[in-house]
């Protein structure tokens, strides 16, 4: 296909971020509508990704324009519902799972 990713070396059978068909993942996520219900009675509708279950928690906001992959994996947000407010989140994808010679993720 004209937009196929370039061939890359094998990674011991591991699935890397670059192996994921992001469009298919988005289509699947769009099938799972979700609601954020606040104590004030406001309801915000969107799409779920991640755990497909009902949950309650403190809602926190990240207004950063980049660095959202780091926010999604930041342990300081554990137990909180993280809302990403920048409208272009997801447009540059996520880094590959490649590691350096020390086993540390290359692109984080």
N, C-alpha and C. Protein backbone atom coordinates (compact mmCIF):
# COMPACT_ATOMS: atom_id res chain seq x y z
N UNK A 1 0.82 -1.20 0.00
CA UNK A 1 0.00 0.00 0.00
C UNK A 1 0.87 1.26 0.00
N UNK A 2 0.36 2.35 -0.52
CA UNK A 2 1.17 3.56 -0.61
C UNK A 2 1.55 4.15 0.74
N UNK A 3 0.79 3.89 1.80
CA UNK A 3 1.10 4.47 3.10
C UNK A 3 1.61 3.44 4.10
N UNK A 4 2.12 2.33 3.61
CA UNK A 4 2.63 1.29 4.52
C UNK A 4 3.88 1.79 5.22
N UNK A 5 4.06 1.43 6.49
CA UNK A 5 5.27 1.86 7.19
C UNK A 5 6.49 1.17 6.59
N UNK A 6 7.65 1.79 6.72
CA UNK A 6 8.85 1.17 6.17
C UNK A 6 9.18 -0.11 6.92
N UNK A 7 9.81 -1.07 6.25
CA UNK A 7 10.17 -2.29 6.96
C UNK A 7 11.18 -1.98 8.07
N UNK A 8 11.14 -2.71 9.16
CA UNK A 8 12.07 -2.50 10.27
C UNK A 8 12.54 -3.85 10.78
N UNK A 9 13.60 -3.80 11.56
CA UNK A 9 14.15 -5.04 12.09
C UNK A 9 13.17 -5.68 13.07
N UNK A 10 13.34 -6.97 13.29
CA UNK A 10 12.46 -7.70 14.20
C UNK A 10 12.74 -7.31 15.64
N UNK A 11 11.74 -7.41 16.50
CA UNK A 11 11.86 -7.07 17.92
C UNK A 11 11.41 -8.23 18.78
N UNK A 12 11.95 -9.41 18.55
CA UNK A 12 11.65 -10.58 19.38
C UNK A 12 10.15 -10.85 19.49
N UNK A 13 9.40 -10.56 18.46
CA UNK A 13 7.98 -10.83 18.47
C UNK A 13 7.14 -9.85 19.26
N UNK A 14 7.77 -8.81 19.85
CA UNK A 14 7.02 -7.82 20.62
C UNK A 14 6.22 -6.92 19.68
N UNK A 15 5.06 -6.52 20.12
CA UNK A 15 4.26 -5.55 19.37
C UNK A 15 4.68 -4.16 19.81
N UNK A 16 5.11 -3.35 18.87
CA UNK A 16 5.54 -1.99 19.17
C UNK A 16 4.46 -1.01 18.78
N UNK A 17 4.58 0.22 19.28
CA UNK A 17 3.58 1.25 18.97
C UNK A 17 3.42 1.42 17.47
N UNK A 18 4.50 1.32 16.72
CA UNK A 18 4.44 1.48 15.27
C UNK A 18 3.70 0.35 14.57
N UNK A 19 3.49 -0.76 15.27
CA UNK A 19 2.79 -1.90 14.68
C UNK A 19 1.28 -1.75 14.77
N UNK A 20 0.80 -0.82 15.56
CA UNK A 20 -0.62 -0.66 15.80
C UNK A 20 -1.26 0.16 14.69
N UNK A 21 -2.36 -0.34 14.15
CA UNK A 21 -3.12 0.41 13.16
C UNK A 21 -3.93 1.45 13.92
N UNK A 22 -3.43 2.69 13.97
CA UNK A 22 -4.05 3.73 14.78
C UNK A 22 -5.47 4.05 14.32
N UNK A 23 -5.72 3.99 13.01
CA UNK A 23 -7.06 4.29 12.52
C UNK A 23 -8.05 3.24 13.02
N UNK A 24 -7.65 1.98 12.97
CA UNK A 24 -8.52 0.91 13.46
C UNK A 24 -8.76 1.07 14.96
N UNK A 25 -7.70 1.44 15.71
CA UNK A 25 -7.85 1.65 17.15
C UNK A 25 -8.81 2.80 17.41
N UNK A 26 -8.74 3.87 16.62
CA UNK A 26 -9.64 5.02 16.80
C UNK A 26 -11.08 4.61 16.48
N UNK A 27 -11.26 3.85 15.40
CA UNK A 27 -12.61 3.39 15.07
C UNK A 27 -13.20 2.57 16.21
N UNK A 28 -12.38 1.71 16.81
CA UNK A 28 -12.85 0.88 17.92
C UNK A 28 -13.21 1.76 19.12
N UNK A 29 -12.35 2.75 19.43
CA UNK A 29 -12.61 3.64 20.56
C UNK A 29 -13.88 4.45 20.33
N UNK A 30 -14.12 4.86 19.10
CA UNK A 30 -15.29 5.68 18.79
C UNK A 30 -16.59 4.90 18.98
N UNK A 31 -16.49 3.57 19.09
CA UNK A 31 -17.68 2.75 19.34
C UNK A 31 -18.04 2.72 20.82
N UNK A 32 -17.17 3.30 21.67
CA UNK A 32 -17.38 3.25 23.11
C UNK A 32 -17.62 4.65 23.66
N UNK A 33 -18.84 5.16 23.50
CA UNK A 33 -19.11 6.49 24.05
C UNK A 33 -19.04 6.47 25.57
N UNK A 34 -18.61 7.58 26.13
CA UNK A 34 -18.47 7.69 27.58
C UNK A 34 -19.01 9.03 28.05
N UNK A 35 -19.24 9.11 29.34
CA UNK A 35 -19.70 10.36 29.94
C UNK A 35 -18.87 10.65 31.18
N UNK A 36 -18.59 11.93 31.37
CA UNK A 36 -17.98 12.41 32.61
C UNK A 36 -19.07 13.19 33.32
N UNK A 37 -19.50 12.66 34.47
CA UNK A 37 -20.58 13.29 35.23
C UNK A 37 -19.99 13.98 36.46
N UNK A 38 -20.22 15.28 36.57
CA UNK A 38 -19.70 16.05 37.69
C UNK A 38 -20.74 16.17 38.79
N UNK A 39 -20.28 16.46 40.02
CA UNK A 39 -21.20 16.64 41.15
C UNK A 39 -22.19 17.76 40.88
N UNK A 40 -21.78 18.75 40.10
CA UNK A 40 -22.64 19.90 39.81
C UNK A 40 -23.82 19.52 38.91
N UNK A 41 -23.77 18.32 38.34
CA UNK A 41 -24.84 17.88 37.44
C UNK A 41 -24.45 17.98 35.97
N UNK A 42 -23.32 18.64 35.68
CA UNK A 42 -22.88 18.73 34.29
C UNK A 42 -22.48 17.36 33.77
N UNK A 43 -22.75 17.12 32.49
CA UNK A 43 -22.37 15.87 31.84
C UNK A 43 -21.57 16.22 30.59
N UNK A 44 -20.39 15.67 30.48
CA UNK A 44 -19.53 15.87 29.30
C UNK A 44 -19.42 14.54 28.58
N UNK A 45 -19.72 14.54 27.30
CA UNK A 45 -19.70 13.30 26.52
C UNK A 45 -18.46 13.25 25.63
N UNK A 46 -17.94 12.04 25.47
CA UNK A 46 -16.77 11.83 24.62
C UNK A 46 -16.64 10.34 24.34
N UNK A 47 -15.41 9.88 24.12
CA UNK A 47 -15.16 8.47 23.81
C UNK A 47 -14.16 7.91 24.79
N UNK A 48 -14.37 6.69 25.17
CA UNK A 48 -13.52 6.01 26.12
C UNK A 48 -12.32 5.38 25.43
N UNK A 49 -11.18 5.47 26.07
CA UNK A 49 -10.05 4.61 25.71
C UNK A 49 -9.41 4.21 27.03
N UNK A 50 -8.85 3.04 27.06
CA UNK A 50 -8.33 2.52 28.32
C UNK A 50 -9.33 1.55 28.92
N UNK A 51 -9.43 1.56 30.23
CA UNK A 51 -10.31 0.62 30.93
C UNK A 51 -11.77 0.89 30.57
N UNK A 52 -12.47 -0.17 30.23
CA UNK A 52 -13.89 -0.03 29.87
C UNK A 52 -14.74 -0.40 31.07
N UNK A 53 -14.76 0.51 32.06
CA UNK A 53 -15.55 0.29 33.26
C UNK A 53 -15.90 1.64 33.86
N UNK A 54 -16.91 1.63 34.70
CA UNK A 54 -17.31 2.84 35.38
C UNK A 54 -16.34 3.11 36.52
N UNK A 55 -15.99 4.38 36.69
CA UNK A 55 -15.03 4.72 37.73
C UNK A 55 -15.33 6.11 38.28
N UNK A 56 -15.00 6.32 39.53
CA UNK A 56 -15.15 7.64 40.16
C UNK A 56 -13.77 8.09 40.59
N UNK A 57 -13.53 9.39 40.56
CA UNK A 57 -12.23 9.88 40.99
C UNK A 57 -12.12 11.38 40.84
N UNK A 58 -10.99 11.90 41.26
CA UNK A 58 -10.70 13.32 41.13
C UNK A 58 -10.33 13.60 39.67
N UNK A 59 -10.96 14.61 39.10
CA UNK A 59 -10.66 15.00 37.72
C UNK A 59 -9.58 16.06 37.74
N UNK A 60 -8.50 15.82 36.99
CA UNK A 60 -7.42 16.79 36.87
C UNK A 60 -7.22 17.10 35.40
N UNK A 61 -6.72 18.27 35.11
CA UNK A 61 -6.57 18.72 33.73
C UNK A 61 -5.11 18.96 33.39
N UNK A 62 -4.74 18.59 32.18
CA UNK A 62 -3.42 18.90 31.65
C UNK A 62 -3.63 19.81 30.45
N UNK A 63 -3.07 21.01 30.54
CA UNK A 63 -3.25 21.98 29.45
C UNK A 63 -2.03 22.05 28.54
N UNK A 64 -1.10 21.11 28.70
CA UNK A 64 0.13 21.16 27.89
C UNK A 64 -0.18 20.92 26.41
N UNK A 65 0.66 21.50 25.57
CA UNK A 65 0.48 21.37 24.12
C UNK A 65 1.22 20.16 23.57
N UNK A 66 2.19 19.66 24.29
CA UNK A 66 2.91 18.46 23.86
C UNK A 66 3.37 17.73 25.12
N UNK A 67 3.86 16.54 24.94
CA UNK A 67 4.28 15.76 26.10
C UNK A 67 3.17 14.94 26.71
N UNK A 68 2.05 14.77 25.99
CA UNK A 68 0.95 14.01 26.59
C UNK A 68 1.28 12.53 26.80
N UNK A 69 2.14 11.90 25.99
CA UNK A 69 2.47 10.50 26.32
C UNK A 69 3.10 10.40 27.72
N UNK A 70 3.92 11.40 28.06
CA UNK A 70 4.52 11.41 29.39
C UNK A 70 3.46 11.62 30.47
N UNK A 71 2.49 12.49 30.21
CA UNK A 71 1.41 12.72 31.18
C UNK A 71 0.61 11.44 31.41
N UNK A 72 0.34 10.70 30.35
CA UNK A 72 -0.46 9.49 30.47
C UNK A 72 0.24 8.39 31.26
N UNK A 73 1.57 8.46 31.33
CA UNK A 73 2.33 7.45 32.06
C UNK A 73 2.96 8.00 33.34
N UNK A 74 2.63 9.23 33.71
CA UNK A 74 3.21 9.87 34.90
C UNK A 74 2.56 9.31 36.16
N UNK A 75 3.36 8.72 37.07
CA UNK A 75 2.78 8.13 38.28
C UNK A 75 2.10 9.14 39.20
N UNK A 76 2.40 10.43 39.04
CA UNK A 76 1.76 11.43 39.91
C UNK A 76 0.26 11.56 39.61
N UNK A 77 -0.18 11.06 38.44
CA UNK A 77 -1.61 11.10 38.09
C UNK A 77 -2.34 9.81 38.48
N UNK A 78 -1.66 8.89 39.14
CA UNK A 78 -2.28 7.61 39.52
C UNK A 78 -3.52 7.86 40.37
N UNK A 79 -4.61 7.17 40.04
CA UNK A 79 -5.85 7.29 40.79
C UNK A 79 -6.68 8.51 40.44
N UNK A 80 -6.23 9.28 39.46
CA UNK A 80 -6.98 10.46 39.04
C UNK A 80 -7.49 10.27 37.61
N UNK A 81 -8.50 11.03 37.26
CA UNK A 81 -9.03 11.02 35.89
C UNK A 81 -8.37 12.19 35.18
N UNK A 82 -7.49 11.88 34.25
CA UNK A 82 -6.71 12.91 33.55
C UNK A 82 -7.44 13.35 32.30
N UNK A 83 -7.71 14.65 32.20
CA UNK A 83 -8.36 15.23 31.03
C UNK A 83 -7.31 16.04 30.28
N UNK A 84 -7.11 15.72 29.01
CA UNK A 84 -6.16 16.45 28.16
C UNK A 84 -6.95 17.50 27.39
N UNK A 85 -6.58 18.77 27.55
CA UNK A 85 -7.41 19.86 27.02
C UNK A 85 -6.97 20.38 25.66
N UNK A 86 -5.75 20.09 25.24
CA UNK A 86 -5.30 20.65 23.96
C UNK A 86 -6.02 19.93 22.82
N UNK A 87 -6.57 20.67 21.85
CA UNK A 87 -7.43 20.05 20.84
C UNK A 87 -6.72 19.13 19.85
N UNK A 88 -5.42 19.18 19.74
CA UNK A 88 -4.72 18.36 18.75
C UNK A 88 -4.03 17.15 19.34
N UNK A 89 -4.46 16.73 20.52
CA UNK A 89 -3.86 15.56 21.15
C UNK A 89 -4.03 14.36 20.22
N UNK A 90 -2.96 13.64 20.02
CA UNK A 90 -3.00 12.45 19.19
C UNK A 90 -2.52 12.66 17.77
N UNK A 91 -2.32 13.89 17.36
CA UNK A 91 -1.93 14.14 15.98
C UNK A 91 -0.50 13.75 15.66
N UNK A 92 0.35 13.65 16.67
CA UNK A 92 1.71 13.22 16.35
C UNK A 92 2.02 11.82 16.83
N UNK A 93 1.02 11.09 17.25
CA UNK A 93 1.20 9.69 17.62
C UNK A 93 1.91 9.53 18.95
N UNK A 94 2.42 8.34 19.18
CA UNK A 94 3.18 8.05 20.38
C UNK A 94 4.52 7.46 19.97
N UNK A 95 5.54 7.64 20.80
CA UNK A 95 6.86 7.12 20.44
C UNK A 95 6.88 5.60 20.37
N UNK A 96 7.80 5.09 19.56
CA UNK A 96 7.98 3.64 19.46
C UNK A 96 8.51 3.09 20.78
N UNK A 97 8.37 1.79 20.98
CA UNK A 97 8.83 1.15 22.21
C UNK A 97 10.29 0.73 22.15
N UNK A 98 11.06 1.32 21.26
CA UNK A 98 12.47 0.95 21.12
C UNK A 98 13.27 1.40 22.34
N UNK A 99 14.23 0.56 22.75
CA UNK A 99 15.06 0.89 23.90
C UNK A 99 16.50 1.10 23.48
N UNK A 100 17.25 1.82 24.32
CA UNK A 100 18.67 2.02 24.05
C UNK A 100 19.47 0.86 24.65
N UNK A 101 20.78 0.97 24.64
CA UNK A 101 21.63 -0.13 25.13
C UNK A 101 21.46 -0.39 26.62
N UNK A 102 20.89 0.55 27.37
CA UNK A 102 20.66 0.37 28.80
C UNK A 102 19.26 -0.14 29.11
N UNK A 103 18.46 -0.35 28.08
CA UNK A 103 17.09 -0.82 28.27
C UNK A 103 16.09 0.28 28.56
N UNK A 104 16.52 1.55 28.41
CA UNK A 104 15.64 2.70 28.65
C UNK A 104 14.97 3.07 27.34
N UNK A 105 13.68 3.40 27.41
CA UNK A 105 12.97 3.80 26.19
C UNK A 105 13.71 4.95 25.51
N UNK A 106 13.96 4.82 24.21
CA UNK A 106 14.74 5.79 23.46
C UNK A 106 14.07 7.16 23.37
N UNK A 107 12.78 7.18 23.23
CA UNK A 107 12.11 8.44 22.90
C UNK A 107 11.33 9.04 24.06
N UNK A 108 11.63 8.66 25.28
CA UNK A 108 11.00 9.27 26.45
C UNK A 108 12.04 10.02 27.24
